PDB file of N, CA and C in Angstrom:
ATOM      1  N   MET A   1    -101.772 -66.320  69.488  1.00  0.00           N
ATOM      2  CA  MET A   1    -100.572 -65.798  68.844  1.00  0.00           C
ATOM      3  C   MET A   1     -99.386 -65.939  69.797  1.00  0.00           C
ATOM      4  N   PRO A   2     -98.252 -66.463  69.314  1.00  0.00           N
ATOM      5  CA  PRO A   2     -97.095 -66.648  70.196  1.00  0.00           C
ATOM      6  C   PRO A   2     -96.479 -65.322  70.620  1.00  0.00           C
ATOM      7  N   LYS A   3     -95.873 -65.344  71.808  1.00  0.00           N
ATOM      8  CA  LYS A   3     -95.113 -64.193  72.290  1.00  0.00           C
ATOM      9  C   LYS A   3     -93.808 -64.128  71.513  1.00  0.00           C
ATOM     10  N   LYS A   4     -93.126 -62.985  71.631  1.00  0.00           N
ATOM     11  CA  LYS A   4     -91.877 -62.809  70.900  1.00  0.00           C
ATOM     12  C   LYS A   4     -90.679 -63.047  71.822  1.00  0.00           C
ATOM     13  N   ALA A   5     -89.687 -63.753  71.311  1.00  0.00           N
ATOM     14  CA  ALA A   5     -88.402 -63.944  71.973  1.00  0.00           C
ATOM     15  C   ALA A   5     -87.339 -63.464  70.998  1.00  0.00           C
ATOM     16  N   ILE A   6     -86.335 -62.759  71.515  1.00  0.00           N
ATOM     17  CA  ILE A   6     -85.266 -62.276  70.643  1.00  0.00           C
ATOM     18  C   ILE A   6     -83.938 -62.859  71.118  1.00  0.00           C
ATOM     19  N   PHE A   7     -83.242 -63.505  70.200  1.00  0.00           N
ATOM     20  CA  PHE A   7     -81.933 -64.081  70.473  1.00  0.00           C
ATOM     21  C   PHE A   7     -80.896 -63.184  69.811  1.00  0.00           C
ATOM     22  N   TYR A   8     -80.092 -62.505  70.638  1.00  0.00           N
ATOM     23  CA  TYR A   8     -79.040 -61.622  70.129  1.00  0.00           C
ATOM     24  C   TYR A   8     -77.715 -62.359  70.143  1.00  0.00           C
ATOM     25  N   HIS A   9     -76.952 -62.212  69.065  1.00  0.00           N
ATOM     26  CA  HIS A   9     -75.623 -62.812  69.021  1.00  0.00           C
ATOM     27  C   HIS A   9     -74.721 -62.014  68.095  1.00  0.00           C
ATOM     28  N   ALA A  10     -73.442 -62.397  68.071  1.00  0.00           N
ATOM     29  CA  ALA A  10     -72.463 -61.665  67.263  1.00  0.00           C
ATOM     30  C   ALA A  10     -71.791 -62.535  66.217  1.00  0.00           C
ATOM     31  N   GLY A  11     -72.243 -63.767  66.073  1.00  0.00           N
ATOM     32  CA  GLY A  11     -71.701 -64.641  65.043  1.00  0.00           C
ATOM     33  C   GLY A  11     -70.508 -65.474  65.451  1.00  0.00           C
ATOM     34  N   CYS A  12     -70.026 -65.307  66.679  1.00  0.00           N
ATOM     35  CA  CYS A  12     -68.874 -66.092  67.132  1.00  0.00           C
ATOM     36  C   CYS A  12     -69.295 -67.552  67.341  1.00  0.00           C
ATOM     37  N   SER A  13     -68.343 -68.426  67.523  1.00  0.00           N
ATOM     38  CA  SER A  13     -68.667 -69.850  67.666  1.00  0.00           C
ATOM     39  C   SER A  13     -69.516 -70.123  68.903  1.00  0.00           C
ATOM     40  N   VAL A  14     -69.259 -69.407  70.003  1.00  0.00           N
ATOM     41  CA  VAL A  14     -70.080 -69.564  71.207  1.00  0.00           C
ATOM     42  C   VAL A  14     -71.525 -69.186  70.897  1.00  0.00           C
ATOM     43  N   CYS A  15     -71.699 -68.087  70.148  1.00  0.00           N
ATOM     44  CA  CYS A  15     -73.035 -67.613  69.795  1.00  0.00           C
ATOM     45  C   CYS A  15     -73.769 -68.587  68.879  1.00  0.00           C
ATOM     46  N   VAL A  16     -73.080 -69.087  67.895  1.00  0.00           N
ATOM     47  CA  VAL A  16     -73.688 -70.019  66.944  1.00  0.00           C
ATOM     48  C   VAL A  16     -74.099 -71.305  67.658  1.00  0.00           C
ATOM     49  N   ASP A  17     -73.243 -71.811  68.538  1.00  0.00           N
ATOM     50  CA  ASP A  17     -73.592 -73.006  69.310  1.00  0.00           C
ATOM     51  C   ASP A  17     -74.826 -72.762  70.170  1.00  0.00           C
ATOM     52  N   ALA A  18     -74.877 -71.591  70.827  1.00  0.00           N
ATOM     53  CA  ALA A  18     -76.022 -71.260  71.672  1.00  0.00           C
ATOM     54  C   ALA A  18     -77.288 -71.114  70.844  1.00  0.00           C
ATOM     55  N   GLU A  19     -77.158 -70.512  69.669  1.00  0.00           N
ATOM     56  CA  GLU A  19     -78.324 -70.374  68.799  1.00  0.00           C
ATOM     57  C   GLU A  19     -78.881 -71.746  68.437  1.00  0.00           C
ATOM     58  N   GLN A  20     -78.018 -72.652  68.072  1.00  0.00           N
ATOM     59  CA  GLN A  20     -78.467 -73.982  67.667  1.00  0.00           C
ATOM     60  C   GLN A  20     -79.074 -74.749  68.840  1.00  0.00           C
ATOM     61  N   ALA A  21     -78.491 -74.589  70.037  1.00  0.00           N
ATOM     62  CA  ALA A  21     -78.967 -75.345  71.192  1.00  0.00           C
ATOM     63  C   ALA A  21     -80.165 -74.705  71.883  1.00  0.00           C
ATOM     64  N   VAL A  22     -80.118 -73.401  72.070  1.00  0.00           N
ATOM     65  CA  VAL A  22     -81.133 -72.726  72.874  1.00  0.00           C
ATOM     66  C   VAL A  22     -82.286 -72.192  72.031  1.00  0.00           C
ATOM     67  N   ALA A  23     -81.981 -71.354  71.069  1.00  0.00           N
ATOM     68  CA  ALA A  23     -83.048 -70.736  70.276  1.00  0.00           C
ATOM     69  C   ALA A  23     -83.878 -71.789  69.549  1.00  0.00           C
ATOM     70  N   ALA A  24     -83.231 -72.819  69.058  1.00  0.00           N
ATOM     71  CA  ALA A  24     -83.940 -73.869  68.330  1.00  0.00           C
ATOM     72  C   ALA A  24     -84.799 -74.738  69.252  1.00  0.00           C
ATOM     73  N   ALA A  25     -84.518 -74.712  70.559  1.00  0.00           N
ATOM     74  CA  ALA A  25     -85.253 -75.547  71.507  1.00  0.00           C
ATOM     75  C   ALA A  25     -86.536 -74.889  72.019  1.00  0.00           C
ATOM     76  N   ILE A  26     -86.720 -73.614  71.722  1.00  0.00           N
ATOM     77  CA  ILE A  26     -87.903 -72.900  72.208  1.00  0.00           C
ATOM     78  C   ILE A  26     -89.138 -73.348  71.434  1.00  0.00           C
ATOM     79  N   ASP A  27     -90.187 -73.599  72.160  1.00  0.00           N
ATOM     80  CA  ASP A  27     -91.448 -74.071  71.574  1.00  0.00           C
ATOM     81  C   ASP A  27     -92.042 -72.986  70.665  1.00  0.00           C
ATOM     82  N   PRO A  28     -92.085 -73.228  69.353  1.00  0.00           N
ATOM     83  CA  PRO A  28     -92.603 -72.223  68.427  1.00  0.00           C
ATOM     84  C   PRO A  28     -94.102 -71.944  68.603  1.00  0.00           C
ATOM     85  N   ALA A  29     -94.807 -72.811  69.291  1.00  0.00           N
ATOM     86  CA  ALA A  29     -96.219 -72.559  69.561  1.00  0.00           C
ATOM     87  C   ALA A  29     -96.376 -71.500  70.656  1.00  0.00           C
ATOM     88  N   ARG A  30     -95.348 -71.347  71.480  1.00  0.00           N
ATOM     89  CA  ARG A  30     -95.397 -70.368  72.574  1.00  0.00           C
ATOM     90  C   ARG A  30     -94.652 -69.084  72.252  1.00  0.00           C
ATOM     91  N   TYR A  31     -93.545 -69.190  71.483  1.00  0.00           N
ATOM     92  CA  TYR A  31     -92.707 -68.026  71.195  1.00  0.00           C
ATOM     93  C   TYR A  31     -92.289 -67.985  69.732  1.00  0.00           C
ATOM     94  N   ALA A  32     -92.419 -66.810  69.147  1.00  0.00           N
ATOM     95  CA  ALA A  32     -91.850 -66.559  67.820  1.00  0.00           C
ATOM     96  C   ALA A  32     -90.435 -66.030  68.087  1.00  0.00           C
ATOM     97  N   VAL A  33     -89.436 -66.777  67.674  1.00  0.00           N
ATOM     98  CA  VAL A  33     -88.051 -66.407  67.955  1.00  0.00           C
ATOM     99  C   VAL A  33     -87.475 -65.605  66.794  1.00  0.00           C
ATOM    100  N   GLU A  34     -86.950 -64.436  67.121  1.00  0.00           N
ATOM    101  CA  GLU A  34     -86.243 -63.612  66.147  1.00  0.00           C
ATOM    102  C   GLU A  34     -84.760 -63.706  66.459  1.00  0.00           C
ATOM    103  N   ILE A  35     -83.956 -64.018  65.475  1.00  0.00           N
ATOM    104  CA  ILE A  35     -82.509 -64.090  65.629  1.00  0.00           C
ATOM    105  C   ILE A  35     -81.920 -62.779  65.117  1.00  0.00           C
ATOM    106  N   VAL A  36     -81.131 -62.108  65.969  1.00  0.00           N
ATOM    107  CA  VAL A  36     -80.523 -60.836  65.595  1.00  0.00           C
ATOM    108  C   VAL A  36     -79.005 -60.964  65.701  1.00  0.00           C
ATOM    109  N   HIS A  37     -78.344 -60.887  64.565  1.00  0.00           N
ATOM    110  CA  HIS A  37     -76.876 -60.942  64.493  1.00  0.00           C
ATOM    111  C   HIS A  37     -76.385 -59.500  64.593  1.00  0.00           C
ATOM    112  N   LEU A  38     -75.924 -59.111  65.781  1.00  0.00           N
ATOM    113  CA  LEU A  38     -75.530 -57.723  66.011  1.00  0.00           C
ATOM    114  C   LEU A  38     -74.287 -57.316  65.232  1.00  0.00           C
ATOM    115  N   GLY A  39     -73.497 -58.270  64.795  1.00  0.00           N
ATOM    116  CA  GLY A  39     -72.359 -57.951  63.943  1.00  0.00           C
ATOM    117  C   GLY A  39     -72.802 -57.465  62.577  1.00  0.00           C
ATOM    118  N   GLU A  40     -73.943 -57.958  62.115  1.00  0.00           N
ATOM    119  CA  GLU A  40     -74.494 -57.569  60.825  1.00  0.00           C
ATOM    120  C   GLU A  40     -75.567 -56.489  60.946  1.00  0.00           C
ATOM    121  N   GLU A  41     -76.174 -56.383  62.132  1.00  0.00           N
ATOM    122  CA  GLU A  41     -77.240 -55.399  62.358  1.00  0.00           C
ATOM    123  C   GLU A  41     -76.833 -54.486  63.525  1.00  0.00           C
ATOM    124  N   SER A  42     -75.717 -53.784  63.344  1.00  0.00           N
ATOM    125  CA  SER A  42     -75.173 -52.959  64.430  1.00  0.00           C
ATOM    126  C   SER A  42     -76.136 -51.856  64.868  1.00  0.00           C
ATOM    127  N   GLY A  43     -77.072 -51.498  64.026  1.00  0.00           N
ATOM    128  CA  GLY A  43     -78.071 -50.504  64.391  1.00  0.00           C
ATOM    129  C   GLY A  43     -79.007 -50.963  65.487  1.00  0.00           C
ATOM    130  N   ARG A  44     -78.971 -52.247  65.810  1.00  0.00           N
ATOM    131  CA  ARG A  44     -79.861 -52.790  66.843  1.00  0.00           C
ATOM    132  C   ARG A  44     -79.157 -52.997  68.184  1.00  0.00           C
ATOM    133  N   VAL A  45     -77.880 -52.580  68.282  1.00  0.00           N
ATOM    134  CA  VAL A  45     -77.142 -52.719  69.545  1.00  0.00           C
ATOM    135  C   VAL A  45     -77.837 -51.926  70.652  1.00  0.00           C
ATOM    136  N   ALA A  46     -78.269 -50.699  70.361  1.00  0.00           N
ATOM    137  CA  ALA A  46     -78.954 -49.875  71.364  1.00  0.00           C
ATOM    138  C   ALA A  46     -80.239 -50.554  71.843  1.00  0.00           C
ATOM    139  N   GLU A  47     -80.938 -51.197  70.928  1.00  0.00           N
ATOM    140  CA  GLU A  47     -82.158 -51.944  71.282  1.00  0.00           C
ATOM    141  C   GLU A  47     -81.826 -53.068  72.258  1.00  0.00           C
ATOM    142  N   ALA A  48     -80.753 -53.803  71.964  1.00  0.00           N
ATOM    143  CA  ALA A  48     -80.328 -54.894  72.841  1.00  0.00           C
ATOM    144  C   ALA A  48     -79.958 -54.356  74.223  1.00  0.00           C
ATOM    145  N   GLU A  49     -79.204 -53.263  74.254  1.00  0.00           N
ATOM    146  CA  GLU A  49     -78.827 -52.648  75.535  1.00  0.00           C
ATOM    147  C   GLU A  49     -80.059 -52.215  76.316  1.00  0.00           C
ATOM    148  N   ALA A  50     -81.015 -51.610  75.637  1.00  0.00           N
ATOM    149  CA  ALA A  50     -82.240 -51.161  76.298  1.00  0.00           C
ATOM    150  C   ALA A  50     -83.028 -52.332  76.885  1.00  0.00           C
ATOM    151  N   ALA A  51     -82.870 -53.507  76.278  1.00  0.00           N
ATOM    152  CA  ALA A  51     -83.533 -54.714  76.774  1.00  0.00           C
ATOM    153  C   ALA A  51     -82.769 -55.357  77.930  1.00  0.00           C
ATOM    154  N   GLY A  52     -81.586 -54.792  78.255  1.00  0.00           N
ATOM    155  CA  GLY A  52     -80.808 -55.311  79.377  1.00  0.00           C
ATOM    156  C   GLY A  52     -79.686 -56.251  78.998  1.00  0.00           C
ATOM    157  N   VAL A  53     -79.428 -56.390  77.693  1.00  0.00           N
ATOM    158  CA  VAL A  53     -78.368 -57.289  77.240  1.00  0.00           C
ATOM    159  C   VAL A  53     -77.010 -56.660  77.543  1.00  0.00           C
ATOM    160  N   LYS A  54     -76.163 -57.406  78.260  1.00  0.00           N
ATOM    161  CA  LYS A  54     -74.812 -56.946  78.622  1.00  0.00           C
ATOM    162  C   LYS A  54     -73.738 -57.664  77.815  1.00  0.00           C
ATOM    163  N   SER A  55     -74.062 -58.874  77.361  1.00  0.00           N
ATOM    164  CA  SER A  55     -73.132 -59.663  76.555  1.00  0.00           C
ATOM    165  C   SER A  55     -73.944 -60.588  75.674  1.00  0.00           C
ATOM    166  N   VAL A  56     -73.286 -61.091  74.646  1.00  0.00           N
ATOM    167  CA  VAL A  56     -73.947 -62.034  73.742  1.00  0.00           C
ATOM    168  C   VAL A  56     -73.195 -63.361  73.775  1.00  0.00           C
ATOM    169  N   PRO A  57     -73.888 -64.443  73.556  1.00  0.00           N
ATOM    170  CA  PRO A  57     -75.283 -64.582  73.192  1.00  0.00           C
ATOM    171  C   PRO A  57     -76.220 -64.320  74.369  1.00  0.00           C
ATOM    172  N   ALA A  58     -77.372 -63.787  74.055  1.00  0.00           N
ATOM    173  CA  ALA A  58     -78.396 -63.519  75.058  1.00  0.00           C
ATOM    174  C   ALA A  58     -79.772 -63.712  74.446  1.00  0.00           C
ATOM    175  N   LEU A  59     -80.673 -64.161  75.266  1.00  0.00           N
ATOM    176  CA  LEU A  59     -82.057 -64.367  74.852  1.00  0.00           C
ATOM    177  C   LEU A  59     -82.926 -63.447  75.689  1.00  0.00           C
ATOM    178  N   VAL A  60     -83.759 -62.650  75.036  1.00  0.00           N
ATOM    179  CA  VAL A  60     -84.712 -61.802  75.752  1.00  0.00           C
ATOM    180  C   VAL A  60     -86.075 -62.467  75.609  1.00  0.00           C
ATOM    181  N   LEU A  61     -86.588 -62.892  76.747  1.00  0.00           N
ATOM    182  CA  LEU A  61     -87.825 -63.660  76.800  1.00  0.00           C
ATOM    183  C   LEU A  61     -88.768 -62.974  77.781  1.00  0.00           C
ATOM    184  N   ASP A  62     -89.938 -62.582  77.326  1.00  0.00           N
ATOM    185  CA  ASP A  62     -90.895 -61.865  78.171  1.00  0.00           C
ATOM    186  C   ASP A  62     -90.271 -60.626  78.808  1.00  0.00           C
ATOM    187  N   GLY A  63     -89.408 -59.930  78.054  1.00  0.00           N
ATOM    188  CA  GLY A  63     -88.783 -58.710  78.538  1.00  0.00           C
ATOM    189  C   GLY A  63     -87.618 -58.911  79.484  1.00  0.00           C
ATOM    190  N   GLN A  64     -87.245 -60.146  79.757  1.00  0.00           N
ATOM    191  CA  GLN A  64     -86.149 -60.466  80.672  1.00  0.00           C
ATOM    192  C   GLN A  64     -84.961 -60.999  79.880  1.00  0.00           C
ATOM    193  N   PRO A  65     -83.777 -60.375  80.018  1.00  0.00           N
ATOM    194  CA  PRO A  65     -82.604 -60.892  79.306  1.00  0.00           C
ATOM    195  C   PRO A  65     -81.977 -62.073  80.045  1.00  0.00           C
ATOM    196  N   TYR A  66     -81.584 -63.076  79.293  1.00  0.00           N
ATOM    197  CA  TYR A  66     -80.884 -64.242  79.822  1.00  0.00           C
ATOM    198  C   TYR A  66     -79.563 -64.347  79.075  1.00  0.00           C
ATOM    199  N   HIS A  67     -78.481 -64.224  79.814  1.00  0.00           N
ATOM    200  CA  HIS A  67     -77.146 -64.300  79.227  1.00  0.00           C
ATOM    201  C   HIS A  67     -76.706 -65.755  79.269  1.00  0.00           C
ATOM    202  N   ILE A  68     -76.586 -66.348  78.114  1.00  0.00           N
ATOM    203  CA  ILE A  68     -76.399 -67.787  77.993  1.00  0.00           C
ATOM    204  C   ILE A  68     -74.968 -68.213  78.246  1.00  0.00           C
ATOM    205  N   ASN A  69     -74.034 -67.530  77.659  1.00  0.00           N
ATOM    206  CA  ASN A  69     -72.614 -67.835  77.795  1.00  0.00           C
ATOM    207  C   ASN A  69     -71.898 -66.553  77.383  1.00  0.00           C
ATOM    208  N   PHE A  70     -70.673 -66.395  77.754  1.00  0.00           N
ATOM    209  CA  PHE A  70     -70.005 -65.146  77.403  1.00  0.00           C
ATOM    210  C   PHE A  70     -69.240 -65.309  76.110  1.00  0.00           C
ATOM    211  N   GLY A  71     -69.779 -64.711  75.051  1.00  0.00           N
ATOM    212  CA  GLY A  71     -69.111 -64.704  73.750  1.00  0.00           C
ATOM    213  C   GLY A  71     -68.416 -63.374  73.533  1.00  0.00           C
ATOM    214  N   ALA A  72     -69.152 -62.268  73.812  1.00  0.00           N
ATOM    215  CA  ALA A  72     -68.599 -60.929  73.640  1.00  0.00           C
ATOM    216  C   ALA A  72     -69.423 -59.938  74.446  1.00  0.00           C
ATOM    217  N   SER A  73     -68.771 -58.938  74.982  1.00  0.00           N
ATOM    218  CA  SER A  73     -69.450 -57.856  75.671  1.00  0.00           C
ATOM    219  C   SER A  73     -70.223 -57.022  74.661  1.00  0.00           C
ATOM    220  N   ILE A  74     -71.349 -56.487  75.070  1.00  0.00           N
ATOM    221  CA  ILE A  74     -72.116 -55.623  74.173  1.00  0.00           C
ATOM    222  C   ILE A  74     -71.306 -54.387  73.797  1.00  0.00           C
ATOM    223  N   ASP A  75     -70.397 -53.968  74.675  1.00  0.00           N
ATOM    224  CA  ASP A  75     -69.558 -52.791  74.395  1.00  0.00           C
ATOM    225  C   ASP A  75     -68.660 -52.999  73.180  1.00  0.00           C
ATOM    226  N   VAL A  76     -68.235 -54.217  72.930  1.00  0.00           N
ATOM    227  CA  VAL A  76     -67.385 -54.534  71.784  1.00  0.00           C
ATOM    228  C   VAL A  76     -68.149 -54.341  70.468  1.00  0.00           C
ATOM    229  N   LEU A  77     -69.444 -54.471  70.520  1.00  0.00           N
ATOM    230  CA  LEU A  77     -70.276 -54.407  69.318  1.00  0.00           C
ATOM    231  C   LEU A  77     -70.687 -52.990  68.934  1.00  0.00           C
ATOM    232  N   LYS A  78     -70.404 -52.030  69.787  1.00  0.00           N
ATOM    233  CA  LYS A  78     -70.778 -50.626  69.501  1.00  0.00           C
ATOM    234  C   LYS A  78     -69.931 -50.032  68.415  1.00  0.00           C
TER     235      LYS A  78
END
């Protein structure tokens, strides 16, 4: 069974580009990727923060957050 990876974003152009380039490149045999649009799912902002996400787009892989590019601070999404 693949591990879970979560890609958090806010829908901005930087986020959409990162989603297409990064999230789509992850091997689906190794990771089940969940895409979370925090602009539409604001109830999950606290979850992202708890995972260590400081800005979006970010990928949480094996419990480690990776900040891909700076689209927006997580504080803006609260």
